[in-house]
């Protein structure tokens, strides 16, 4: 039985003037649910097809990639729908750190699984390619 798990991804220190969006499916975009100069917050659901497999099998509109290596795309610049910018980037945020215990705890408490990434890359532009988590996935009320 599939369950919907709420995820919250926080993009810290995004470069000024660059739009960000989480990719839904192939071409739809999800705008931040909250935004300040210091961070962007994205809230979205992931379907849990099988929490007992290793790694847990996560699916849904926001999950990208093969079953054993799911991730979420955070698009920036033109890939986030922004015009008049030099940036066209996508960051791959791994879902592999989500454990069965975290899924069960979040579902039992109707809580959110939250992680963060740094929004600025080494070159000063938006983060891109496979990015490490700044803070690992954790259950928050």
C-alpha atoms as a PDB file:
ATOM      1  CA  UNK A   1       0.000   0.000   0.000  1.00  0.00           C
ATOM      2  CA  UNK A   2       1.402   3.375  -0.996  1.00  0.00           C
ATOM      3  CA  UNK A   3       1.661   6.160   1.556  1.00  0.00           C
ATOM      4  CA  UNK A   4       2.406   9.811   0.910  1.00  0.00           C
ATOM      5  CA  UNK A   5       5.412  11.123   2.786  1.00  0.00           C
ATOM      6  CA  UNK A   6       5.848  14.863   3.099  1.00  0.00           C
ATOM      7  CA  UNK A   7       9.353  16.133   2.321  1.00  0.00           C
ATOM      8  CA  UNK A   8      10.790  19.567   3.005  1.00  0.00           C
ATOM      9  CA  UNK A   9      13.930  20.625   1.182  1.00  0.00           C
ATOM     10  CA  UNK A  10      15.643  23.825   2.297  1.00  0.00           C
ATOM     11  CA  UNK A  11      18.017  25.553  -0.111  1.00  0.00           C
ATOM     12  CA  UNK A  12      20.348  27.717   1.979  1.00  0.00           C
ATOM     13  CA  UNK A  13      22.421  30.630   0.687  1.00  0.00           C
ATOM     14  CA  UNK A  14      20.904  30.800  -2.802  1.00  0.00           C
ATOM     15  CA  UNK A  15      22.651  33.275  -5.128  1.00  0.00           C
ATOM     16  CA  UNK A  16      20.809  36.597  -5.292  1.00  0.00           C
ATOM     17  CA  UNK A  17      18.584  37.152  -8.294  1.00  0.00           C
ATOM     18  CA  UNK A  18      18.394  33.495  -9.373  1.00  0.00           C
ATOM     19  CA  UNK A  19      15.060  31.657  -9.449  1.00  0.00           C
ATOM     20  CA  UNK A  20      14.812  28.112  -8.069  1.00  0.00           C
ATOM     21  CA  UNK A  21      12.084  25.470  -8.464  1.00  0.00           C
ATOM     22  CA  UNK A  22      11.722  21.764  -7.751  1.00  0.00           C
ATOM     23  CA  UNK A  23      11.003  19.724 -10.858  1.00  0.00           C
ATOM     24  CA  UNK A  24       7.741  17.744 -10.950  1.00  0.00           C
ATOM     25  CA  UNK A  25       7.721  15.029 -13.593  1.00  0.00           C
ATOM     26  CA  UNK A  26       9.461  15.992 -16.818  1.00  0.00           C
ATOM     27  CA  UNK A  27       8.594  19.671 -17.107  1.00  0.00           C
ATOM     28  CA  UNK A  28       6.363  21.011 -14.326  1.00  0.00           C
ATOM     29  CA  UNK A  29       7.873  23.228 -11.660  1.00  0.00           C
ATOM     30  CA  UNK A  30       7.125  23.720  -7.966  1.00  0.00           C
ATOM     31  CA  UNK A  31       7.824  27.195  -6.580  1.00  0.00           C
ATOM     32  CA  UNK A  32       9.142  27.626  -3.038  1.00  0.00           C
ATOM     33  CA  UNK A  33       6.535  27.534  -0.264  1.00  0.00           C
ATOM     34  CA  UNK A  34       8.640  30.109   1.615  1.00  0.00           C
ATOM     35  CA  UNK A  35      11.509  32.345   0.493  1.00  0.00           C
ATOM     36  CA  UNK A  36      13.936  34.781   2.102  1.00  0.00           C
ATOM     37  CA  UNK A  37      17.310  36.090   0.990  1.00  0.00           C
ATOM     38  CA  UNK A  38      18.909  33.381   3.179  1.00  0.00           C
ATOM     39  CA  UNK A  39      16.855  30.334   2.184  1.00  0.00           C
ATOM     40  CA  UNK A  40      14.150  28.796   0.030  1.00  0.00           C
ATOM     41  CA  UNK A  41      11.783  26.129   1.338  1.00  0.00           C
ATOM     42  CA  UNK A  42      10.133  23.497  -0.854  1.00  0.00           C
ATOM     43  CA  UNK A  43       7.384  21.239   0.523  1.00  0.00           C
ATOM     44  CA  UNK A  44       6.209  18.303  -1.581  1.00  0.00           C
ATOM     45  CA  UNK A  45       4.982  14.699  -1.289  1.00  0.00           C
ATOM     46  CA  UNK A  46       6.813  11.515  -2.212  1.00  0.00           C
ATOM     47  CA  UNK A  47       4.990   8.205  -2.513  1.00  0.00           C
ATOM     48  CA  UNK A  48       6.389   5.338  -0.466  1.00  0.00           C
ATOM     49  CA  UNK A  49       5.819   2.224  -2.579  1.00  0.00           C
ATOM     50  CA  UNK A  50       7.793  -0.099  -0.261  1.00  0.00           C
ATOM     51  CA  UNK A  51       9.353   1.140   2.981  1.00  0.00           C
ATOM     52  CA  UNK A  52      10.855  -2.261   3.820  1.00  0.00           C
ATOM     53  CA  UNK A  53      13.087  -2.602   0.754  1.00  0.00           C
ATOM     54  CA  UNK A  54      16.707  -1.476   0.914  1.00  0.00           C
ATOM     55  CA  UNK A  55      16.741   1.350  -0.005  1.00  0.00           C
ATOM     56  CA  UNK A  56      13.058   2.158   0.540  1.00  0.00           C
ATOM     57  CA  UNK A  57      11.239   2.369  -2.801  1.00  0.00           C
ATOM     58  CA  UNK A  58      10.151   5.979  -3.297  1.00  0.00           C
ATOM     59  CA  UNK A  59       8.037   7.045  -6.261  1.00  0.00           C
ATOM     60  CA  UNK A  60       5.759   9.846  -7.346  1.00  0.00           C
ATOM     61  CA  UNK A  61       5.869  12.985  -9.441  1.00  0.00           C
ATOM     62  CA  UNK A  62       8.924  14.485  -7.732  1.00  0.00           C
ATOM     63  CA  UNK A  63      11.084  11.331  -7.541  1.00  0.00           C
ATOM     64  CA  UNK A  64      13.532  11.091 -10.427  1.00  0.00           C
ATOM     65  CA  UNK A  65      16.046   8.422 -11.414  1.00  0.00           C
ATOM     66  CA  UNK A  66      16.295   4.639 -11.067  1.00  0.00           C
ATOM     67  CA  UNK A  67      14.606   2.811  -8.143  1.00  0.00           C
ATOM     68  CA  UNK A  68      17.883   2.266  -6.261  1.00  0.00           C
ATOM     69  CA  UNK A  69      19.125   5.823  -6.737  1.00  0.00           C
ATOM     70  CA  UNK A  70      16.186   8.192  -6.491  1.00  0.00           C
ATOM     71  CA  UNK A  71      16.732  11.934  -6.295  1.00  0.00           C
ATOM     72  CA  UNK A  72      14.905  15.251  -6.632  1.00  0.00           C
ATOM     73  CA  UNK A  73      15.879  17.914  -9.172  1.00  0.00           C
ATOM     74  CA  UNK A  74      16.227  21.493  -7.970  1.00  0.00           C
ATOM     75  CA  UNK A  75      16.239  23.637 -11.094  1.00  0.00           C
ATOM     76  CA  UNK A  76      17.634  27.152 -11.279  1.00  0.00           C
ATOM     77  CA  UNK A  77      17.751  30.011 -13.754  1.00  0.00           C
ATOM     78  CA  UNK A  78      16.083  29.276 -17.078  1.00  0.00           C
ATOM     79  CA  UNK A  79      15.338  25.681 -15.946  1.00  0.00           C
ATOM     80  CA  UNK A  80      13.260  27.243 -13.146  1.00  0.00           C
ATOM     81  CA  UNK A  81      11.330  29.400 -15.628  1.00  0.00           C
ATOM     82  CA  UNK A  82      13.388  32.567 -15.183  1.00  0.00           C
ATOM     83  CA  UNK A  83      14.025  34.739 -18.227  1.00  0.00           C
ATOM     84  CA  UNK A  84      16.910  37.138 -18.782  1.00  0.00           C
ATOM     85  CA  UNK A  85      19.444  35.143 -16.781  1.00  0.00           C
ATOM     86  CA  UNK A  86      22.745  33.527 -17.661  1.00  0.00           C
ATOM     87  CA  UNK A  87      22.033  30.502 -15.455  1.00  0.00           C
ATOM     88  CA  UNK A  88      20.555  27.178 -16.619  1.00  0.00           C
ATOM     89  CA  UNK A  89      21.295  24.574 -13.973  1.00  0.00           C
ATOM     90  CA  UNK A  90      19.870  21.544 -12.208  1.00  0.00           C
ATOM     91  CA  UNK A  91      20.976  20.072  -8.894  1.00  0.00           C
ATOM     92  CA  UNK A  92      20.364  16.410  -8.044  1.00  0.00           C
ATOM     93  CA  UNK A  93      19.399  16.007  -4.382  1.00  0.00           C
ATOM     94  CA  UNK A  94      19.730  12.387  -3.212  1.00  0.00           C
ATOM     95  CA  UNK A  95      16.851  10.605  -1.504  1.00  0.00           C
ATOM     96  CA  UNK A  96      19.111   7.648  -0.693  1.00  0.00           C
ATOM     97  CA  UNK A  97      19.703   8.810   2.873  1.00  0.00           C
ATOM     98  CA  UNK A  98      16.062   8.293   3.823  1.00  0.00           C
ATOM     99  CA  UNK A  99      15.724   5.204   6.032  1.00  0.00           C
ATOM    100  CA  UNK A 100      12.812   2.893   6.736  1.00  0.00           C
ATOM    101  CA  UNK A 101      12.847   4.021  10.387  1.00  0.00           C
ATOM    102  CA  UNK A 102      12.569   7.686   9.341  1.00  0.00           C
ATOM    103  CA  UNK A 103       9.688   6.913   6.980  1.00  0.00           C
ATOM    104  CA  UNK A 104       7.829   4.981   9.675  1.00  0.00           C
ATOM    105  CA  UNK A 105       8.415   7.724  12.272  1.00  0.00           C
ATOM    106  CA  UNK A 106       7.313  10.510   9.931  1.00  0.00           C
ATOM    107  CA  UNK A 107       4.161   8.646   8.873  1.00  0.00           C
ATOM    108  CA  UNK A 108       3.276   7.703  12.475  1.00  0.00           C
ATOM    109  CA  UNK A 109       3.643  11.307  13.674  1.00  0.00           C
ATOM    110  CA  UNK A 110       2.219  12.943  10.513  1.00  0.00           C
ATOM    111  CA  UNK A 111       5.581  14.722  10.435  1.00  0.00           C
ATOM    112  CA  UNK A 112       7.869  15.936   7.662  1.00  0.00           C
ATOM    113  CA  UNK A 113      11.241  14.595   6.534  1.00  0.00           C
ATOM    114  CA  UNK A 114      13.559  17.557   6.086  1.00  0.00           C
ATOM    115  CA  UNK A 115      17.016  18.088   4.611  1.00  0.00           C
ATOM    116  CA  UNK A 116      18.981  21.028   3.245  1.00  0.00           C
ATOM    117  CA  UNK A 117      21.463  21.798   0.496  1.00  0.00           C
ATOM    118  CA  UNK A 118      23.634  24.805  -0.166  1.00  0.00           C
ATOM    119  CA  UNK A 119      22.193  26.796  -3.089  1.00  0.00           C
ATOM    120  CA  UNK A 120      25.447  28.394  -4.229  1.00  0.00           C
ATOM    121  CA  UNK A 121      28.052  26.335  -6.067  1.00  0.00           C
ATOM    122  CA  UNK A 122      31.825  26.640  -5.901  1.00  0.00           C
ATOM    123  CA  UNK A 123      31.817  29.070  -8.837  1.00  0.00           C
ATOM    124  CA  UNK A 124      29.379  31.443  -7.098  1.00  0.00           C
ATOM    125  CA  UNK A 125      26.465  30.431  -9.334  1.00  0.00           C
ATOM    126  CA  UNK A 126      23.582  28.139  -8.453  1.00  0.00           C
ATOM    127  CA  UNK A 127      24.432  24.652  -7.208  1.00  0.00           C
ATOM    128  CA  UNK A 128      24.376  22.009  -9.924  1.00  0.00           C
ATOM    129  CA  UNK A 129      25.058  18.336 -10.682  1.00  0.00           C
ATOM    130  CA  UNK A 130      24.941  15.895  -7.748  1.00  0.00           C
ATOM    131  CA  UNK A 131      24.983  17.942  -4.568  1.00  0.00           C
ATOM    132  CA  UNK A 132      25.715  16.779  -1.028  1.00  0.00           C
ATOM    133  CA  UNK A 133      23.209  17.401   1.736  1.00  0.00           C
ATOM    134  CA  UNK A 134      24.156  20.189   4.159  1.00  0.00           C
ATOM    135  CA  UNK A 135      21.953  18.540   6.756  1.00  0.00           C
ATOM    136  CA  UNK A 136      20.846  14.931   6.459  1.00  0.00           C
ATOM    137  CA  UNK A 137      17.218  13.850   6.194  1.00  0.00           C
ATOM    138  CA  UNK A 138      15.551  14.078   9.608  1.00  0.00           C
ATOM    139  CA  UNK A 139      12.031  13.889  11.017  1.00  0.00           C
ATOM    140  CA  UNK A 140      10.605  17.270  12.093  1.00  0.00           C
ATOM    141  CA  UNK A 141       7.213  18.070  13.617  1.00  0.00           C
END
